């Protein structure tokens, strides 16, 4: 498959992986590696924002002695 120009605004982490899977040469240029790192950082940032919106975890229902030392906490 020849190289194709794709607008970067349309490329997310999933599509970048799919596009690179079609390449005959699996080596990535430095620009592609930097863009991939940028997409990963953006994903991590968004995931952290979603995680912070969640309610705190439920308090533990059972104490250590109720579990019989099974280490299920």
PDB file of N, CA and C in Angstrom:
ATOM      1  N   UNK A   1       0.848  -1.176   0.000  1.00  0.00           N
ATOM      2  CA  UNK A   1       0.000   0.000   0.000  1.00  0.00           C
ATOM      3  C   UNK A   1       0.894   1.239   0.000  1.00  0.00           C
ATOM      4  N   UNK A   2       0.695   2.158  -0.906  1.00  0.00           N
ATOM      5  CA  UNK A   2       1.522   3.367  -0.934  1.00  0.00           C
ATOM      6  C   UNK A   2       1.194   4.268   0.252  1.00  0.00           C
ATOM      7  N   UNK A   3       2.131   5.149   0.569  1.00  0.00           N
ATOM      8  CA  UNK A   3       1.874   6.119   1.636  1.00  0.00           C
ATOM      9  C   UNK A   3       0.680   6.981   1.256  1.00  0.00           C
ATOM     10  N   UNK A   4      -0.128   7.295   2.250  1.00  0.00           N
ATOM     11  CA  UNK A   4      -1.336   8.066   2.025  1.00  0.00           C
ATOM     12  C   UNK A   4      -1.358   9.233   2.995  1.00  0.00           C
ATOM     13  N   UNK A   5      -1.842  10.373   2.556  1.00  0.00           N
ATOM     14  CA  UNK A   5      -1.991  11.518   3.444  1.00  0.00           C
ATOM     15  C   UNK A   5      -3.349  11.438   4.119  1.00  0.00           C
ATOM     16  N   UNK A   6      -3.324  11.498   5.446  1.00  0.00           N
ATOM     17  CA  UNK A   6      -4.546  11.468   6.239  1.00  0.00           C
ATOM     18  C   UNK A   6      -4.516  12.682   7.160  1.00  0.00           C
ATOM     19  N   UNK A   7      -5.586  13.473   7.197  1.00  0.00           N
ATOM     20  CA  UNK A   7      -5.607  14.622   8.111  1.00  0.00           C
ATOM     21  C   UNK A   7      -5.440  14.163   9.562  1.00  0.00           C
ATOM     22  N   UNK A   8      -4.491  14.771  10.273  1.00  0.00           N
ATOM     23  CA  UNK A   8      -4.204  14.347  11.644  1.00  0.00           C
ATOM     24  C   UNK A   8      -5.396  14.522  12.575  1.00  0.00           C
ATOM     25  N   UNK A   9      -6.274  15.457  12.256  1.00  0.00           N
ATOM     26  CA  UNK A   9      -7.460  15.650  13.103  1.00  0.00           C
ATOM     27  C   UNK A   9      -8.347  14.404  13.117  1.00  0.00           C
ATOM     28  N   UNK A  10      -8.223  13.553  12.106  1.00  0.00           N
ATOM     29  CA  UNK A  10      -9.036  12.339  12.017  1.00  0.00           C
ATOM     30  C   UNK A  10      -8.357  11.123  12.642  1.00  0.00           C
ATOM     31  N   UNK A  11      -7.108  11.276  13.032  1.00  0.00           N
ATOM     32  CA  UNK A  11      -6.333  10.124  13.508  1.00  0.00           C
ATOM     33  C   UNK A  11      -6.313  10.103  15.033  1.00  0.00           C
ATOM     34  N   UNK A  12      -6.841   9.036  15.608  1.00  0.00           N
ATOM     35  CA  UNK A  12      -6.732   8.836  17.046  1.00  0.00           C
ATOM     36  C   UNK A  12      -5.807   7.643  17.280  1.00  0.00           C
ATOM     37  N   UNK A  13      -5.687   7.210  18.529  1.00  0.00           N
ATOM     38  CA  UNK A  13      -4.760   6.124  18.853  1.00  0.00           C
ATOM     39  C   UNK A  13      -5.104   4.842  18.101  1.00  0.00           C
ATOM     40  N   UNK A  14      -6.377   4.524  18.000  1.00  0.00           N
ATOM     41  CA  UNK A  14      -6.810   3.304  17.334  1.00  0.00           C
ATOM     42  C   UNK A  14      -6.506   3.361  15.840  1.00  0.00           C
ATOM     43  N   UNK A  15      -6.874   4.470  15.200  1.00  0.00           N
ATOM     44  CA  UNK A  15      -6.654   4.592  13.761  1.00  0.00           C
ATOM     45  C   UNK A  15      -5.178   4.639  13.407  1.00  0.00           C
ATOM     46  N   UNK A  16      -4.376   5.257  14.258  1.00  0.00           N
ATOM     47  CA  UNK A  16      -2.941   5.292  13.982  1.00  0.00           C
ATOM     48  C   UNK A  16      -2.379   3.870  13.973  1.00  0.00           C
ATOM     49  N   UNK A  17      -2.788   3.067  14.933  1.00  0.00           N
ATOM     50  CA  UNK A  17      -2.344   1.676  14.956  1.00  0.00           C
ATOM     51  C   UNK A  17      -2.794   0.906  13.725  1.00  0.00           C
ATOM     52  N   UNK A  18      -4.019   1.140  13.294  1.00  0.00           N
ATOM     53  CA  UNK A  18      -4.526   0.458  12.099  1.00  0.00           C
ATOM     54  C   UNK A  18      -3.789   0.900  10.839  1.00  0.00           C
ATOM     55  N   UNK A  19      -3.541   2.200  10.730  1.00  0.00           N
ATOM     56  CA  UNK A  19      -2.820   2.702   9.564  1.00  0.00           C
ATOM     57  C   UNK A  19      -1.405   2.144   9.506  1.00  0.00           C
ATOM     58  N   UNK A  20      -0.750   2.086  10.638  1.00  0.00           N
ATOM     59  CA  UNK A  20       0.618   1.581  10.666  1.00  0.00           C
ATOM     60  C   UNK A  20       0.680   0.079  10.427  1.00  0.00           C
ATOM     61  N   UNK A  21      -0.398  -0.633  10.735  1.00  0.00           N
ATOM     62  CA  UNK A  21      -0.426  -2.081  10.517  1.00  0.00           C
ATOM     63  C   UNK A  21      -0.413  -2.420   9.022  1.00  0.00           C
ATOM     64  N   UNK A  22      -0.858  -1.509   8.192  1.00  0.00           N
ATOM     65  CA  UNK A  22      -0.889  -1.744   6.749  1.00  0.00           C
ATOM     66  C   UNK A  22       0.459  -1.516   6.076  1.00  0.00           C
ATOM     67  N   UNK A  23       1.361  -0.879   6.766  1.00  0.00           N
ATOM     68  CA  UNK A  23       2.651  -0.549   6.161  1.00  0.00           C
ATOM     69  C   UNK A  23       3.508  -1.791   6.009  1.00  0.00           C
ATOM     70  N   UNK A  24       4.220  -1.877   4.905  1.00  0.00           N
ATOM     71  CA  UNK A  24       5.141  -2.991   4.672  1.00  0.00           C
ATOM     72  C   UNK A  24       6.369  -2.865   5.570  1.00  0.00           C
ATOM     73  N   UNK A  25       6.780  -1.630   5.852  1.00  0.00           N
ATOM     74  CA  UNK A  25       7.926  -1.378   6.708  1.00  0.00           C
ATOM     75  C   UNK A  25       7.417  -1.017   8.103  1.00  0.00           C
ATOM     76  N   UNK A  26       7.625  -1.875   9.095  1.00  0.00           N
ATOM     77  CA  UNK A  26       7.067  -1.620  10.430  1.00  0.00           C
ATOM     78  C   UNK A  26       7.790  -0.527  11.212  1.00  0.00           C
ATOM     79  N   UNK A  27       8.946  -0.047  10.712  1.00  0.00           N
ATOM     80  CA  UNK A  27       9.678   1.004  11.417  1.00  0.00           C
ATOM     81  C   UNK A  27       8.897   2.309  11.386  1.00  0.00           C
ATOM     82  N   UNK A  28       8.917   3.015  12.511  1.00  0.00           N
ATOM     83  CA  UNK A  28       8.226   4.296  12.610  1.00  0.00           C
ATOM     84  C   UNK A  28       9.265   5.408  12.588  1.00  0.00           C
ATOM     85  N   UNK A  29       8.930   6.481  11.911  1.00  0.00           N
ATOM     86  CA  UNK A  29       9.829   7.628  11.917  1.00  0.00           C
ATOM     87  C   UNK A  29       9.725   8.329  13.271  1.00  0.00           C
ATOM     88  N   UNK A  30      10.673   9.197  13.530  1.00  0.00           N
ATOM     89  CA  UNK A  30      10.683   9.939  14.793  1.00  0.00           C
ATOM     90  C   UNK A  30       9.414  10.785  14.933  1.00  0.00           C
ATOM     91  N   UNK A  31       8.946  11.374  13.840  1.00  0.00           N
ATOM     92  CA  UNK A  31       7.722  12.182  13.887  1.00  0.00           C
ATOM     93  C   UNK A  31       6.508  11.340  14.275  1.00  0.00           C
ATOM     94  N   UNK A  32       6.427  10.134  13.757  1.00  0.00           N
ATOM     95  CA  UNK A  32       5.302   9.253  14.083  1.00  0.00           C
ATOM     96  C   UNK A  32       5.379   8.837  15.540  1.00  0.00           C
ATOM     97  N   UNK A  33       6.569   8.518  16.026  1.00  0.00           N
ATOM     98  CA  UNK A  33       6.718   8.132  17.440  1.00  0.00           C
ATOM     99  C   UNK A  33       6.337   9.287  18.367  1.00  0.00           C
ATOM    100  N   UNK A  34       6.716  10.516  17.995  1.00  0.00           N
ATOM    101  CA  UNK A  34       6.349  11.675  18.819  1.00  0.00           C
ATOM    102  C   UNK A  34       4.841  11.906  18.796  1.00  0.00           C
ATOM    103  N   UNK A  35       4.213  11.760  17.626  1.00  0.00           N
ATOM    104  CA  UNK A  35       2.763  11.940  17.538  1.00  0.00           C
ATOM    105  C   UNK A  35       2.038  10.855  18.338  1.00  0.00           C
ATOM    106  N   UNK A  36       2.546   9.643  18.268  1.00  0.00           N
ATOM    107  CA  UNK A  36       1.968   8.539  19.046  1.00  0.00           C
ATOM    108  C   UNK A  36       2.076   8.836  20.543  1.00  0.00           C
ATOM    109  N   UNK A  37       3.206   9.358  20.991  1.00  0.00           N
ATOM    110  CA  UNK A  37       3.383   9.730  22.396  1.00  0.00           C
ATOM    111  C   UNK A  37       2.423  10.854  22.786  1.00  0.00           C
ATOM    112  N   UNK A  38       2.213  11.798  21.876  1.00  0.00           N
ATOM    113  CA  UNK A  38       1.268  12.887  22.128  1.00  0.00           C
ATOM    114  C   UNK A  38      -0.154  12.352  22.282  1.00  0.00           C
ATOM    115  N   UNK A  39      -0.552  11.433  21.408  1.00  0.00           N
ATOM    116  CA  UNK A  39      -1.884  10.830  21.515  1.00  0.00           C
ATOM    117  C   UNK A  39      -2.029  10.044  22.807  1.00  0.00           C
ATOM    118  N   UNK A  40      -0.989   9.318  23.209  1.00  0.00           N
ATOM    119  CA  UNK A  40      -1.030   8.562  24.460  1.00  0.00           C
ATOM    120  C   UNK A  40      -1.168   9.495  25.662  1.00  0.00           C
ATOM    121  N   UNK A  41      -0.432  10.610  25.644  1.00  0.00           N
ATOM    122  CA  UNK A  41      -0.512  11.573  26.742  1.00  0.00           C
ATOM    123  C   UNK A  41      -1.898  12.207  26.813  1.00  0.00           C
ATOM    124  N   UNK A  42      -2.464  12.521  25.652  1.00  0.00           N
ATOM    125  CA  UNK A  42      -3.811  13.102  25.616  1.00  0.00           C
ATOM    126  C   UNK A  42      -4.839  12.104  26.160  1.00  0.00           C
ATOM    127  N   UNK A  43      -4.697  10.835  25.779  1.00  0.00           N
ATOM    128  CA  UNK A  43      -5.606   9.808  26.276  1.00  0.00           C
ATOM    129  C   UNK A  43      -5.486   9.679  27.794  1.00  0.00           C
ATOM    130  N   UNK A  44      -4.256   9.646  28.303  1.00  0.00           N
ATOM    131  CA  UNK A  44      -4.045   9.517  29.748  1.00  0.00           C
ATOM    132  C   UNK A  44      -4.651  10.704  30.490  1.00  0.00           C
ATOM    133  N   UNK A  45      -4.510  11.891  29.928  1.00  0.00           N
ATOM    134  CA  UNK A  45      -5.070  13.087  30.554  1.00  0.00           C
ATOM    135  C   UNK A  45      -6.597  13.023  30.604  1.00  0.00           C
ATOM    136  N   UNK A  46      -7.194  12.628  29.492  1.00  0.00           N
ATOM    137  CA  UNK A  46      -8.660  12.518  29.463  1.00  0.00           C
ATOM    138  C   UNK A  46      -9.159  11.424  30.402  1.00  0.00           C
ATOM    139  N   UNK A  47      -8.437  10.315  30.450  1.00  0.00           N
ATOM    140  CA  UNK A  47      -8.841   9.213  31.330  1.00  0.00           C
ATOM    141  C   UNK A  47      -8.758   9.657  32.790  1.00  0.00           C
ATOM    142  N   UNK A  48      -7.724  10.399  33.144  1.00  0.00           N
ATOM    143  CA  UNK A  48      -7.574  10.900  34.512  1.00  0.00           C
ATOM    144  C   UNK A  48      -8.719  11.840  34.864  1.00  0.00           C
ATOM    145  N   UNK A  49      -9.142  12.680  33.914  1.00  0.00           N
ATOM    146  CA  UNK A  49     -10.270  13.577  34.159  1.00  0.00           C
ATOM    147  C   UNK A  49     -11.555  12.791  34.402  1.00  0.00           C
ATOM    148  N   UNK A  50     -11.771  11.736  33.640  1.00  0.00           N
ATOM    149  CA  UNK A  50     -12.954  10.889  33.832  1.00  0.00           C
ATOM    150  C   UNK A  50     -12.879  10.188  35.185  1.00  0.00           C
ATOM    151  N   UNK A  51     -11.690   9.696  35.526  1.00  0.00           N
ATOM    152  CA  UNK A  51     -11.514   8.989  36.788  1.00  0.00           C
ATOM    153  C   UNK A  51     -11.801   9.903  37.975  1.00  0.00           C
ATOM    154  N   UNK A  52     -11.417  11.177  37.878  1.00  0.00           N
ATOM    155  CA  UNK A  52     -11.639  12.123  38.973  1.00  0.00           C
ATOM    156  C   UNK A  52     -13.116  12.456  39.144  1.00  0.00           C
ATOM    157  N   UNK A  53     -13.915  12.305  38.105  1.00  0.00           N
ATOM    158  CA  UNK A  53     -15.345  12.601  38.184  1.00  0.00           C
ATOM    159  C   UNK A  53     -16.114  11.521  38.919  1.00  0.00           C
ATOM    160  N   UNK A  54     -15.529  10.334  39.003  1.00  0.00           N
ATOM    161  CA  UNK A  54     -16.226   9.221  39.658  1.00  0.00           C
ATOM    162  C   UNK A  54     -16.331   9.441  41.158  1.00  0.00           C
ATOM    163  N   UNK A  55     -17.332   8.844  41.743  1.00  0.00           N
ATOM    164  CA  UNK A  55     -17.526   8.920  43.177  1.00  0.00           C
ATOM    165  C   UNK A  55     -16.444   8.109  43.887  1.00  0.00           C
ATOM    166  N   UNK A  56     -16.152   8.465  45.122  1.00  0.00           N
ATOM    167  CA  UNK A  56     -15.166   7.675  45.866  1.00  0.00           C
ATOM    168  C   UNK A  56     -15.629   6.222  46.004  1.00  0.00           C
ATOM    169  N   UNK A  57     -14.688   5.344  46.161  1.00  0.00           N
ATOM    170  CA  UNK A  57     -15.011   3.924  46.316  1.00  0.00           C
ATOM    171  C   UNK A  57     -15.825   3.690  47.575  1.00  0.00           C
ATOM    172  N   UNK A  58     -16.596   2.645  47.534  1.00  0.00           N
ATOM    173  CA  UNK A  58     -17.398   2.271  48.688  1.00  0.00           C
ATOM    174  C   UNK A  58     -16.475   1.831  49.818  1.00  0.00           C
ATOM    175  N   UNK A  59     -16.851   2.145  51.036  1.00  0.00           N
ATOM    176  CA  UNK A  59     -16.067   1.727  52.195  1.00  0.00           C
ATOM    177  C   UNK A  59     -16.079   0.206  52.286  1.00  0.00           C
ATOM    178  N   UNK A  60     -15.035  -0.320  52.856  1.00  0.00           N
ATOM    179  CA  UNK A  60     -14.924  -1.770  52.985  1.00  0.00           C
ATOM    180  C   UNK A  60     -16.070  -2.305  53.839  1.00  0.00           C
ATOM    181  N   UNK A  61     -16.744  -3.337  53.356  1.00  0.00           N
ATOM    182  CA  UNK A  61     -17.902  -3.898  54.048  1.00  0.00           C
ATOM    183  C   UNK A  61     -17.521  -4.806  55.197  1.00  0.00           C
ATOM    184  N   UNK A  62     -16.408  -5.506  55.067  1.00  0.00           N
ATOM    185  CA  UNK A  62     -16.016  -6.477  56.065  1.00  0.00           C
ATOM    186  C   UNK A  62     -14.636  -6.141  56.608  1.00  0.00           C
ATOM    187  N   UNK A  63     -14.453  -6.394  57.878  1.00  0.00           N
ATOM    188  CA  UNK A  63     -13.143  -6.201  58.492  1.00  0.00           C
ATOM    189  C   UNK A  63     -12.255  -7.404  58.229  1.00  0.00           C
ATOM    190  N   UNK A  64     -10.976  -7.278  58.556  1.00  0.00           N
ATOM    191  CA  UNK A  64     -10.015  -8.357  58.326  1.00  0.00           C
ATOM    192  C   UNK A  64     -10.423  -9.619  59.073  1.00  0.00           C
ATOM    193  N   UNK A  65     -10.924  -9.474  60.277  1.00  0.00           N
ATOM    194  CA  UNK A  65     -11.294 -10.676  61.044  1.00  0.00           C
ATOM    195  C   UNK A  65     -12.532 -11.342  60.454  1.00  0.00           C
ATOM    196  N   UNK A  66     -13.417 -10.573  59.793  1.00  0.00           N
ATOM    197  CA  UNK A  66     -14.606 -11.149  59.158  1.00  0.00           C
ATOM    198  C   UNK A  66     -14.229 -11.976  57.937  1.00  0.00           C
ATOM    199  N   UNK A  67     -13.114 -11.646  57.298  1.00  0.00           N
ATOM    200  CA  UNK A  67     -12.670 -12.361  56.116  1.00  0.00           C
ATOM    201  C   UNK A  67     -11.887 -13.624  56.458  1.00  0.00           C
ATOM    202  N   UNK A  68     -11.547 -13.776  57.696  1.00  0.00           N
ATOM    203  CA  UNK A  68     -10.822 -14.979  58.102  1.00  0.00           C
ATOM    204  C   UNK A  68      -9.392 -15.022  57.612  1.00  0.00           C
ATOM    205  N   UNK A  69      -8.788 -13.872  57.374  1.00  0.00           N
ATOM    206  CA  UNK A  69      -7.401 -13.824  56.954  1.00  0.00           C
ATOM    207  C   UNK A  69      -7.161 -14.271  55.526  1.00  0.00           C
ATOM    208  N   UNK A  70      -8.191 -14.196  54.677  1.00  0.00           N
ATOM    209  CA  UNK A  70      -8.040 -14.635  53.292  1.00  0.00           C
ATOM    210  C   UNK A  70      -7.349 -13.608  52.408  1.00  0.00           C
ATOM    211  N   UNK A  71      -7.149 -12.391  52.926  1.00  0.00           N
ATOM    212  CA  UNK A  71      -6.487 -11.363  52.137  1.00  0.00           C
ATOM    213  C   UNK A  71      -7.314 -10.903  50.946  1.00  0.00           C
ATOM    214  N   UNK A  72      -8.620 -10.793  51.100  1.00  0.00           N
ATOM    215  CA  UNK A  72      -9.513 -10.410  50.014  1.00  0.00           C
ATOM    216  C   UNK A  72      -9.829  -8.925  49.980  1.00  0.00           C
ATOM    217  N   UNK A  73      -9.081  -8.103  50.671  1.00  0.00           N
ATOM    218  CA  UNK A  73      -9.390  -6.675  50.714  1.00  0.00           C
ATOM    219  C   UNK A  73      -8.878  -5.925  49.544  1.00  0.00           C
TER     220      UNK A  73
END
